[in-house]
Protein backbone atom coordinates (compact mmCIF):
# COMPACT_ATOMS: atom_id res chain seq x y z
CA UNK A 1 -20.10 -1.45 -5.29
CA UNK A 2 -19.09 -4.17 -2.82
CA UNK A 3 -18.64 -7.72 -4.21
CA UNK A 4 -20.88 -9.14 -1.52
CA UNK A 5 -23.72 -6.59 -2.16
CA UNK A 6 -23.51 -7.38 -5.88
CA UNK A 7 -24.03 -11.11 -5.27
CA UNK A 8 -27.44 -12.13 -6.94
CA UNK A 9 -27.38 -15.78 -5.38
CA UNK A 10 -29.10 -16.12 -1.90
CA UNK A 11 -26.66 -17.16 0.82
CA UNK A 12 -28.57 -20.07 2.13
CA UNK A 13 -27.64 -21.72 5.33
CA UNK A 14 -25.13 -24.13 6.67
CA UNK A 15 -27.86 -26.57 7.59
CA UNK A 16 -28.85 -26.70 3.92
CA UNK A 17 -25.27 -27.45 2.85
CA UNK A 18 -24.84 -30.15 5.21
CA UNK A 19 -27.92 -31.96 3.76
CA UNK A 20 -25.95 -32.32 0.59
CA UNK A 21 -24.24 -35.68 0.71
CA UNK A 22 -21.77 -34.78 -2.12
CA UNK A 23 -21.01 -31.69 -0.23
CA UNK A 24 -20.35 -33.70 3.01
CA UNK A 25 -17.88 -36.07 0.97
CA UNK A 26 -15.94 -33.26 -0.30
CA UNK A 27 -15.80 -31.61 3.11
CA UNK A 28 -14.85 -34.71 4.60
CA UNK A 29 -11.94 -35.01 2.14
CA UNK A 30 -10.83 -31.44 2.82
CA UNK A 31 -10.83 -31.71 6.68
CA UNK A 32 -8.79 -35.00 6.56
CA UNK A 33 -6.39 -33.36 4.15
CA UNK A 34 -5.90 -30.21 6.10
CA UNK A 35 -5.77 -31.99 9.43
CA UNK A 36 -2.85 -34.05 8.17
CA UNK A 37 -1.25 -30.86 6.74
CA UNK A 38 -1.09 -29.47 10.30
CA UNK A 39 0.47 -32.69 11.42
CA UNK A 40 3.10 -32.59 8.68
CA UNK A 41 3.95 -28.86 9.30
CA UNK A 42 4.52 -29.95 12.96
CA UNK A 43 6.80 -32.75 11.89
CA UNK A 44 8.77 -30.34 9.76
CA UNK A 45 8.94 -27.90 12.62
CA UNK A 46 10.11 -30.64 14.87
CA UNK A 47 12.93 -31.79 12.51
CA UNK A 48 14.04 -28.25 12.17
CA UNK A 49 13.54 -26.68 15.55
CA UNK A 50 13.44 -29.51 18.03
CA UNK A 51 15.82 -32.16 16.99
CA UNK A 52 18.47 -32.85 19.62
CA UNK A 53 21.06 -33.70 17.08
CA UNK A 54 20.99 -30.33 15.41
CA UNK A 55 21.05 -26.82 17.05
CA UNK A 56 18.12 -24.87 15.44
CA UNK A 57 19.33 -21.65 13.75
CA UNK A 58 17.62 -18.84 11.69
CA UNK A 59 19.08 -20.29 8.58
CA UNK A 60 17.43 -23.72 9.16
CA UNK A 61 14.21 -21.94 9.96
CA UNK A 62 14.42 -19.88 6.71
CA UNK A 63 14.73 -23.34 4.80
CA UNK A 64 11.80 -24.66 6.48
CA UNK A 65 9.71 -21.41 5.23
CA UNK A 66 11.04 -21.98 1.76
CA UNK A 67 9.87 -25.58 1.80
CA UNK A 68 6.34 -24.61 3.12
CA UNK A 69 5.84 -21.65 0.76
CA UNK A 70 7.92 -21.91 -2.29
CA UNK A 71 5.38 -24.29 -3.98
CA UNK A 72 2.70 -21.69 -3.48
CA UNK A 73 4.92 -19.20 -5.10
CA UNK A 74 6.22 -21.25 -8.15
CA UNK A 75 3.24 -23.65 -8.81
CA UNK A 76 0.25 -21.65 -7.61
CA UNK A 77 -0.52 -19.85 -10.83
CA UNK A 78 -0.33 -22.96 -12.81
CA UNK A 79 -2.56 -25.05 -10.67
CA UNK A 80 -5.77 -23.54 -12.31
CA UNK A 81 -5.07 -24.69 -16.01
CA UNK A 82 -4.08 -28.21 -14.87
CA UNK A 83 -7.22 -28.45 -12.63
CA UNK A 84 -9.43 -27.50 -15.76
CA UNK A 85 -7.90 -30.47 -17.58
CA UNK A 86 -7.62 -33.36 -14.98
CA UNK A 87 -10.44 -34.77 -13.21
CA UNK A 88 -10.51 -33.17 -9.71
CA UNK A 89 -11.71 -36.28 -7.93
CA UNK A 90 -8.62 -37.98 -9.30
CA UNK A 91 -6.39 -35.23 -8.04
CA UNK A 92 -7.57 -35.39 -4.65
CA UNK A 93 -7.39 -39.31 -4.62
CA UNK A 94 -3.94 -39.72 -6.34
CA UNK A 95 -2.76 -36.48 -4.59
CA UNK A 96 -3.29 -37.80 -1.11
CA UNK A 97 -1.99 -41.21 -2.11
CA UNK A 98 1.33 -39.60 -3.40
CA UNK A 99 1.61 -37.51 -0.24
CA UNK A 100 1.06 -40.64 1.83
CA UNK A 101 4.05 -42.52 0.06
CA UNK A 102 6.16 -39.44 0.26
CA UNK A 103 5.69 -39.09 3.99
CA UNK A 104 6.44 -42.58 4.57
CA UNK A 105 9.63 -42.37 2.37
CA UNK A 106 10.65 -39.09 4.17
CA UNK A 107 10.17 -40.89 7.59
CA UNK A 108 12.52 -43.61 6.44
CA UNK A 109 15.11 -40.98 5.21
CA UNK A 110 14.86 -39.27 8.84
CA UNK A 111 15.62 -42.64 10.54
CA UNK A 112 18.50 -43.02 8.10
CA UNK A 113 19.64 -39.65 9.47
CA UNK A 114 20.23 -38.43 5.71
CA UNK A 115 21.64 -34.88 5.35
CA UNK A 116 19.21 -31.87 5.84
CA UNK A 117 18.96 -30.84 2.25
CA UNK A 118 17.61 -34.47 1.18
CA UNK A 119 14.99 -34.08 3.96
CA UNK A 120 13.95 -30.77 2.63
CA UNK A 121 13.96 -32.00 -1.04
CA UNK A 122 11.31 -34.78 0.21
CA UNK A 123 9.31 -32.24 2.21
CA UNK A 124 9.39 -29.75 -0.65
CA UNK A 125 7.64 -32.55 -2.81
CA UNK A 126 4.73 -33.01 -0.25
CA UNK A 127 4.02 -29.44 -0.12
CA UNK A 128 4.19 -29.03 -3.87
CA UNK A 129 1.56 -31.49 -4.41
CA UNK A 130 -0.47 -29.76 -1.39
CA UNK A 131 -0.71 -26.71 -3.64
CA UNK A 132 -2.83 -28.72 -6.21
CA UNK A 133 -4.92 -30.40 -3.57
CA UNK A 134 -5.96 -27.10 -2.03
CA UNK A 135 -6.83 -25.62 -5.28
CA UNK A 136 -8.74 -28.91 -6.41
CA UNK A 137 -10.80 -28.52 -3.25
CA UNK A 138 -11.78 -25.05 -4.04
CA UNK A 139 -12.42 -25.56 -7.82
CA UNK A 140 -14.71 -28.51 -6.92
CA UNK A 141 -16.88 -26.93 -4.70
CA UNK A 142 -19.42 -25.39 -7.38
CA UNK A 143 -19.91 -29.10 -8.69
CA UNK A 144 -21.49 -30.18 -5.31
CA UNK A 145 -22.99 -27.02 -4.02
CA UNK A 146 -26.00 -25.14 -5.97
CA UNK A 147 -25.65 -21.54 -6.88
CA UNK A 148 -27.75 -20.39 -4.03
CA UNK A 149 -25.66 -21.91 -1.31
CA UNK A 150 -22.20 -21.21 -3.01
CA UNK A 151 -21.52 -18.05 -0.82
CA UNK A 152 -22.02 -19.96 2.21
CA UNK A 153 -20.09 -22.88 1.05
CA UNK A 154 -17.27 -20.55 0.22
CA UNK A 155 -17.27 -19.19 3.75
CA UNK A 156 -17.67 -22.31 5.50
CA UNK A 157 -15.54 -24.96 3.89
CA UNK A 158 -12.02 -23.16 3.88
CA UNK A 159 -12.80 -21.93 7.38
CA UNK A 160 -13.39 -25.36 8.65
CA UNK A 161 -10.34 -26.53 6.73
CA UNK A 162 -8.25 -23.81 8.53
CA UNK A 163 -9.57 -25.06 11.78
CA UNK A 164 -8.77 -28.67 10.99
CA UNK A 165 -5.21 -27.72 10.03
CA UNK A 166 -4.82 -25.94 13.23
CA UNK A 167 -6.36 -28.74 15.23
CA UNK A 168 -3.89 -31.14 13.36
CA UNK A 169 -0.99 -28.91 14.35
CA UNK A 170 -2.06 -28.72 17.95
CA UNK A 171 -2.53 -32.57 18.04
CA UNK A 172 0.87 -32.76 16.64
CA UNK A 173 2.51 -30.74 19.34
CA UNK A 174 0.75 -32.80 22.00
CA UNK A 175 1.81 -36.03 20.42
CA UNK A 176 5.48 -34.63 20.14
CA UNK A 177 5.59 -33.75 23.79
CA UNK A 178 5.13 -37.50 24.82
CA UNK A 179 7.72 -38.75 22.31
CA UNK A 180 11.39 -39.03 23.02
CA UNK A 181 13.60 -36.72 21.14
CA UNK A 182 15.48 -37.65 17.92
CA UNK A 183 14.60 -39.31 14.56
CA UNK A 184 12.05 -41.70 16.09
CA UNK A 185 9.83 -38.84 17.30
CA UNK A 186 10.22 -36.99 13.90
CA UNK A 187 9.56 -40.11 12.06
CA UNK A 188 6.44 -40.94 14.18
CA UNK A 189 4.82 -37.45 13.14
CA UNK A 190 5.43 -38.21 9.47
CA UNK A 191 4.03 -41.57 9.75
CA UNK A 192 0.96 -40.08 11.56
CA UNK A 193 0.52 -37.26 8.74
CA UNK A 194 0.78 -40.18 6.06
CA UNK A 195 -2.02 -42.00 7.82
CA UNK A 196 -4.11 -38.85 7.75
CA UNK A 197 -3.35 -38.50 3.95
CA UNK A 198 -4.49 -42.08 3.41
CA UNK A 199 -7.73 -41.48 5.20
CA UNK A 200 -8.25 -38.47 2.97
CA UNK A 201 -7.65 -40.54 -0.28
CA UNK A 202 -10.34 -43.08 1.13
CA UNK A 203 -12.73 -40.24 1.30
CA UNK A 204 -12.02 -39.03 -2.07
CA UNK A 205 -12.50 -42.50 -3.52
CA UNK A 206 -15.94 -42.47 -2.12
CA UNK A 207 -17.02 -40.02 -4.55
CA UNK A 208 -17.73 -40.83 -8.21
CA UNK A 209 -14.78 -40.25 -10.54
CA UNK A 210 -16.53 -37.65 -12.64
CA UNK A 211 -18.47 -35.73 -9.81
CA UNK A 212 -16.15 -32.84 -9.27
CA UNK A 213 -15.50 -32.01 -12.97
CA UNK A 214 -14.37 -30.59 -15.06
CA UNK A 215 -17.04 -31.29 -17.91
CA UNK A 216 -14.92 -32.87 -20.63
CA UNK A 217 -17.16 -31.24 -23.27
CA UNK A 218 -16.20 -27.62 -22.23
CA UNK A 219 -12.31 -28.25 -21.84
CA UNK A 220 -10.15 -26.06 -23.77
CA UNK A 221 -8.71 -27.88 -26.92
CA UNK A 222 -5.44 -26.06 -26.79
CA UNK A 223 -2.25 -27.90 -25.99
CA UNK A 224 -1.34 -27.79 -22.32
CA UNK A 225 2.10 -25.96 -23.23
CA UNK A 226 -0.10 -23.23 -24.88
CA UNK A 227 -2.28 -22.96 -21.72
CA UNK A 228 0.69 -22.69 -19.43
CA UNK A 229 2.28 -19.97 -21.51
CA UNK A 230 -1.07 -18.00 -21.48
CA UNK A 231 -0.89 -18.32 -17.77
CA UNK A 232 2.45 -16.51 -17.65
CA UNK A 233 1.15 -13.88 -19.94
CA UNK A 234 -2.00 -13.47 -17.77
CA UNK A 235 0.22 -12.73 -14.85
CA UNK A 236 2.21 -10.23 -16.74
CA UNK A 237 -1.03 -8.61 -18.06
CA UNK A 238 -2.34 -8.54 -14.27
CA UNK A 239 0.72 -6.90 -13.28
CA UNK A 240 0.67 -4.29 -15.96
CA UNK A 241 -3.13 -3.59 -15.17
CA UNK A 242 -2.26 -3.05 -11.43
CA UNK A 243 0.43 -0.70 -12.22
CA UNK A 244 -1.06 1.29 -14.97
CA UNK A 245 -4.66 1.45 -14.20
CA UNK A 246 -5.48 0.45 -10.74
CA UNK A 247 -3.30 2.48 -8.24
CA UNK A 248 -5.73 1.77 -5.19
CA UNK A 249 -5.00 -2.00 -5.51
CA UNK A 250 -1.21 -1.49 -6.18
CA UNK A 251 -0.74 0.74 -3.08
CA UNK A 252 -2.71 -1.87 -0.92
CA UNK A 253 -0.57 -4.77 -2.37
CA UNK A 254 2.58 -2.94 -1.69
CA UNK A 255 1.39 -2.27 1.88
CA UNK A 256 0.43 -5.62 2.68
CA UNK A 257 3.60 -7.08 1.19
CA UNK A 258 5.79 -4.93 3.33
CA UNK A 259 3.67 -5.88 6.44
CA UNK A 260 3.97 -9.49 5.72
CA UNK A 261 7.65 -9.09 5.37
CA UNK A 262 7.87 -7.64 8.90
CA UNK A 263 5.38 -10.32 10.15
CA UNK A 264 8.04 -12.95 8.83
CA UNK A 265 10.96 -11.40 10.43
CA UNK A 266 9.06 -11.29 13.92
CA UNK A 267 7.86 -14.81 13.40
CA UNK A 268 11.37 -16.21 13.02
CA UNK A 269 12.47 -14.19 15.97
CA UNK A 270 9.55 -15.74 18.18
CA UNK A 271 10.47 -19.09 16.97
CA UNK A 272 14.25 -18.65 18.15
CA UNK A 273 13.12 -17.04 21.48
CA UNK A 274 10.85 -19.85 22.36
CA UNK A 275 13.49 -22.53 21.45
CA UNK A 276 16.79 -20.97 22.74
CA UNK A 277 15.89 -18.15 25.21
CA UNK A 278 12.60 -18.86 27.15
CA UNK A 279 13.80 -22.54 27.49
CA UNK A 280 17.14 -24.09 28.01
CA UNK A 281 18.48 -25.27 24.46
CA UNK A 282 18.42 -28.77 25.64
CA UNK A 283 14.95 -28.65 27.14
CA UNK A 284 12.78 -29.64 24.13
CA UNK A 285 9.52 -30.05 26.01
CA UNK A 286 9.73 -26.65 27.43
CA UNK A 287 10.44 -25.10 24.06
CA UNK A 288 7.42 -26.77 22.53
CA UNK A 289 5.20 -25.52 25.21
CA UNK A 290 6.33 -21.95 24.82
CA UNK A 291 6.10 -22.17 20.83
CA UNK A 292 2.69 -23.61 21.20
CA UNK A 293 1.62 -21.04 23.53
CA UNK A 294 2.97 -18.34 21.15
CA UNK A 295 1.33 -19.74 18.15
CA UNK A 296 -2.10 -20.00 20.02
CA UNK A 297 -1.85 -16.50 20.97
CA UNK A 298 -1.14 -15.47 17.43
CA UNK A 299 -3.95 -17.49 16.21
CA UNK A 300 -6.38 -15.98 18.82
CA UNK A 301 -5.02 -12.44 17.38
CA UNK A 302 -5.98 -13.74 13.87
CA UNK A 303 -9.56 -14.59 14.96
CA UNK A 304 -10.04 -11.48 16.80
CA UNK A 305 -9.10 -9.62 13.57
CA UNK A 306 -11.97 -11.42 11.71
CA UNK A 307 -14.41 -10.11 14.51
CA UNK A 308 -13.03 -6.62 15.10
CA UNK A 309 -12.18 -5.59 11.48
CA UNK A 310 -15.81 -5.37 10.11
CA UNK A 311 -16.83 -3.06 13.02
CA UNK A 312 -13.64 -0.95 12.93
CA UNK A 313 -13.66 -0.24 9.18
CA UNK A 314 -17.34 0.97 9.44
CA UNK A 315 -15.84 3.69 11.43
CA UNK A 316 -12.42 4.49 9.84
CA UNK A 317 -12.98 3.27 6.36
CA UNK A 318 -11.01 0.17 4.89
CA UNK A 319 -7.87 2.00 3.83
CA UNK A 320 -7.94 3.98 7.14
CA UNK A 321 -7.96 0.72 9.13
CA UNK A 322 -5.05 -0.46 7.20
CA UNK A 323 -3.14 2.68 8.03
CA UNK A 324 -4.13 2.39 11.73
CA UNK A 325 -3.06 -1.26 12.08
CA UNK A 326 0.32 -0.28 10.49
CA UNK A 327 0.88 2.41 12.81
CA UNK A 328 -0.13 0.39 15.89
CA UNK A 329 2.32 -2.38 14.67
CA UNK A 330 4.91 0.20 14.63
CA UNK A 331 4.42 1.10 18.16
CA UNK A 332 3.71 -2.21 19.73
CA UNK A 333 6.69 -3.91 17.92
CA UNK A 334 9.53 -2.15 19.80
CA UNK A 335 7.36 -1.47 23.12
CA UNK A 336 6.83 -5.19 23.64
CA UNK A 337 9.57 -6.87 21.43
CA UNK A 338 12.65 -5.12 22.81
CA UNK A 339 12.00 -6.71 26.25
CA UNK A 340 12.81 -10.19 24.98
CA UNK A 341 10.80 -11.40 27.90
CA UNK A 342 8.19 -14.16 27.62
CA UNK A 343 4.91 -12.20 28.63
CA UNK A 344 5.51 -9.11 26.50
CA UNK A 345 6.49 -11.35 23.72
CA UNK A 346 3.44 -13.60 24.02
CA UNK A 347 1.31 -10.55 24.19
CA UNK A 348 3.00 -9.13 21.14
CA UNK A 349 2.18 -12.33 19.14
CA UNK A 350 -1.51 -11.82 19.89
CA UNK A 351 -1.56 -8.22 18.84
CA UNK A 352 0.65 -8.75 15.76
CA UNK A 353 -1.47 -11.74 14.85
CA UNK A 354 -4.46 -9.31 15.12
CA UNK A 355 -3.12 -6.29 13.04
CA UNK A 356 -1.31 -8.54 10.43
CA UNK A 357 -4.77 -10.30 9.70
CA UNK A 358 -6.65 -7.17 9.80
CA UNK A 359 -4.13 -5.57 7.20
CA UNK A 360 -4.61 -8.45 4.92
CA UNK A 361 -8.39 -8.39 5.34
CA UNK A 362 -8.24 -4.75 4.39
CA UNK A 363 -5.96 -5.17 1.51
CA UNK A 364 -8.14 -8.09 0.11
CA UNK A 365 -11.17 -5.83 0.38
CA UNK A 366 -9.37 -2.86 -1.56
CA UNK A 367 -8.21 -5.34 -4.35
CA UNK A 368 -11.71 -6.75 -4.61
CA UNK A 369 -13.44 -3.54 -4.96
CA UNK A 370 -11.02 -1.75 -7.12
CA UNK A 371 -9.92 -4.21 -9.74
CA UNK A 372 -12.18 -4.76 -12.82
CA UNK A 373 -13.70 -8.32 -12.70
CA UNK A 374 -11.93 -9.28 -15.99
CA UNK A 375 -8.55 -8.80 -14.28
CA UNK A 376 -9.33 -9.85 -10.63
CA UNK A 377 -8.27 -13.44 -10.85
CA UNK A 378 -4.76 -12.57 -12.40
CA UNK A 379 -4.23 -9.76 -9.84
CA UNK A 380 -4.97 -12.20 -7.06
CA UNK A 381 -2.54 -14.64 -8.60
CA UNK A 382 -0.06 -11.84 -8.35
CA UNK A 383 -1.00 -11.17 -4.93
CA UNK A 384 -0.59 -14.82 -3.77
CA UNK A 385 2.97 -14.78 -5.21
CA UNK A 386 4.00 -11.53 -3.43
CA UNK A 387 2.15 -12.71 -0.27
CA UNK A 388 4.11 -15.90 0.15
CA UNK A 389 7.36 -14.52 -1.36
CA UNK A 390 7.46 -11.79 1.19
CA UNK A 391 7.56 -14.35 4.29
CA UNK A 392 10.37 -16.49 2.45
CA UNK A 393 12.36 -13.28 1.99
CA UNK A 394 11.78 -12.27 5.54
CA UNK A 395 13.12 -15.66 6.83
CA UNK A 396 16.07 -15.25 4.61
CA UNK A 397 16.83 -11.72 5.84
CA UNK A 398 16.38 -12.95 9.39
CA UNK A 399 18.77 -15.79 8.78
CA UNK A 400 21.48 -13.21 7.94
CA UNK A 401 20.70 -10.81 10.80
CA UNK A 402 19.58 -12.75 13.78
CA UNK A 403 21.51 -14.49 16.46
CA UNK A 404 20.49 -18.08 17.56
CA UNK A 405 19.25 -16.72 20.76
CA UNK A 406 16.60 -14.67 18.80
CA UNK A 407 17.56 -11.56 20.74
CA UNK A 408 17.83 -9.10 17.76
CA UNK A 409 17.25 -5.31 18.33
CA UNK A 410 17.97 -4.82 14.68
CA UNK A 411 15.11 -7.05 13.60
CA UNK A 412 12.78 -5.55 16.04
CA UNK A 413 13.55 -1.82 15.27
CA UNK A 414 13.81 -2.50 11.64
CA UNK A 415 10.33 -4.19 11.45
CA UNK A 416 8.99 -1.15 13.44
CA UNK A 417 10.59 1.29 10.89
CA UNK A 418 9.12 -0.67 8.03
CA UNK A 419 5.59 -0.64 9.66
CA UNK A 420 5.79 3.15 10.26
CA UNK A 421 6.90 3.66 6.68
CA UNK A 422 4.01 1.61 5.57
CA UNK A 423 1.51 3.60 7.54
CA UNK A 424 2.95 7.10 6.44
CA UNK A 425 3.42 6.09 2.70
CA UNK A 426 0.06 4.31 2.24
CA UNK A 427 -1.68 7.23 4.26
CA UNK A 428 -0.18 9.65 1.83
CA UNK A 429 -1.74 7.63 -1.14
CA UNK A 430 -5.12 8.07 0.10
CA UNK A 431 -4.82 11.94 -0.25
CA UNK A 432 -5.02 11.39 -4.11
CA UNK A 433 -8.40 11.11 -4.96
CA UNK A 434 -7.79 8.68 -7.97
CA UNK A 435 -6.18 6.19 -5.42
CA UNK A 436 -9.06 5.93 -3.08
CA UNK A 437 -11.09 2.67 -3.52
CA UNK A 438 -14.82 2.52 -3.34
CA UNK A 439 -16.45 1.92 0.00
CA UNK A 440 -17.19 -1.67 0.53
CA UNK A 441 -18.19 -3.94 3.44
CA UNK A 442 -15.09 -5.73 4.49
CA UNK A 443 -15.35 -9.54 4.44
CA UNK A 444 -12.81 -11.84 6.21
CA UNK A 445 -10.94 -13.77 3.36
CA UNK A 446 -11.45 -17.31 2.87
CA UNK A 447 -8.00 -18.14 2.14
CA UNK A 448 -5.38 -19.17 4.63
CA UNK A 449 -4.35 -16.72 7.23
CA UNK A 450 -0.87 -15.33 7.77
CA UNK A 451 1.40 -17.16 9.93
C-alpha cells in the first residue's frame, strides 16, 4: 500500500502551519540558511569557472563537485546519531556562525590568491557543516508542528528551502554580472554568503535552546562511539537487505544511480560548453549568462517533472515511467547533444532535467513502497550515498575524457548508451513477478533535486 495512503494523520493546510510561531521561526532559519547556500555555491562556481586568472577545465569542475557532494557521502549517514544527542537549535545557531567565519576566512584566502587546493579545503569545511544544518532542520520539524500538520510541513518546508536556494543562486549570478572579474568578485560573493549565514544564526537564536529537541530524558545512554559503530553496521544491514530480500528496490537504485552518473557527465559538458564554446573564453559575462540560462532551463525541467510524473505514472505505472524516461534520454541525448549548438543544448538541458527528476521520483516511490519500514531509513541512507557518489564519479570521468571546449562526442554517445542500457536492463527486471513493486501513488520527493 502507498505510504501516503497509509498515513493516519490529516494533512492540514499551509495556512494552519503559518499560524504556528515556532514553525515560522524554524522556516525563517531554513530559508535564510538555504538562500545563503545558493550564494555560496555560485561563489564556488565563480572561483572555478569564471576566474580570469585560471582557465576552467573539467578537472577543476570535478573538484568543485567533490567539494559540494563528498560531505553528503561521507558525513550524511552519521548526522542522525549526532543530531539525536546535541540540541538541534544549538546546531542551527553555532553551525551557521561557524559557516559565517569559514566564509569570511575563505574570502581572505581568495584575496591572498592561495593555491586552489587550499581554497577547496576551506570550501569543503563549509559544505561539511551544511550536511548537519540540513539534517537538523528536518529532524527539528516534528518539534514545532503537530502530527496533523506534519505531512503538509514536510512537503512545504523543504520545497520552500529549495526555492530559497535557487533564488540565492540566481541572485549570486546577477551580482556576479556587475562585479569585475578576479579575486575581488569571488571574495564579495563569499562575504555576501557569510552575511546570509549570520542572519540565519540570528533567526535560530530567536528560538528557545530546548525548543527543537532532542528530549534529554529519551536520549540513548550509549557512548557516541558505540552509536557511530551501530550506524556503520546499520548501513551494511540495509545494503544486505536490499540485495537479499528486496529486488525491486535494488533494481530501482541501480537504475537511478546509472542515470545520475549520466546526468553528471552531461552537466559537466554543459558547463564547459557555456564557458568556453558558446562564449569567448575571455568573455565572462557572456559565459555567466549562458550558464544561467542553461541552469534555469534544467530547473524548469525539474519542476515540470514534479507536475507530469503523477499524471504519467497513472498511465504507465511507476516502473514503466522509469523505463520510458530512460529510453527518452537515450534518444534525446545524441539527437540534441551532438550538435554542440546553443539552442539544442539548452533544449536538452530542459528535457534532461525533466527525465532525470522523473527517474528519481519513480525510484523514490519504488523504494518507499517495496522496502519494509524497519529497513527503510537505512536503505535511504545507502540511496543518499549512491546518489551523490554517482555525480562525483561522473565529474571525475568527465575530467579524463572531455576537452576544455566541452565538445565530446564520446561523453554524449556514452551517456546515451548507458541510458539505453538502463531502459533495457531495468525493463527486463520487470518481467520477473517478484521484482515488481506494489502500485503506489507517486509523490515528488521532498529532498534536493538533482543538478
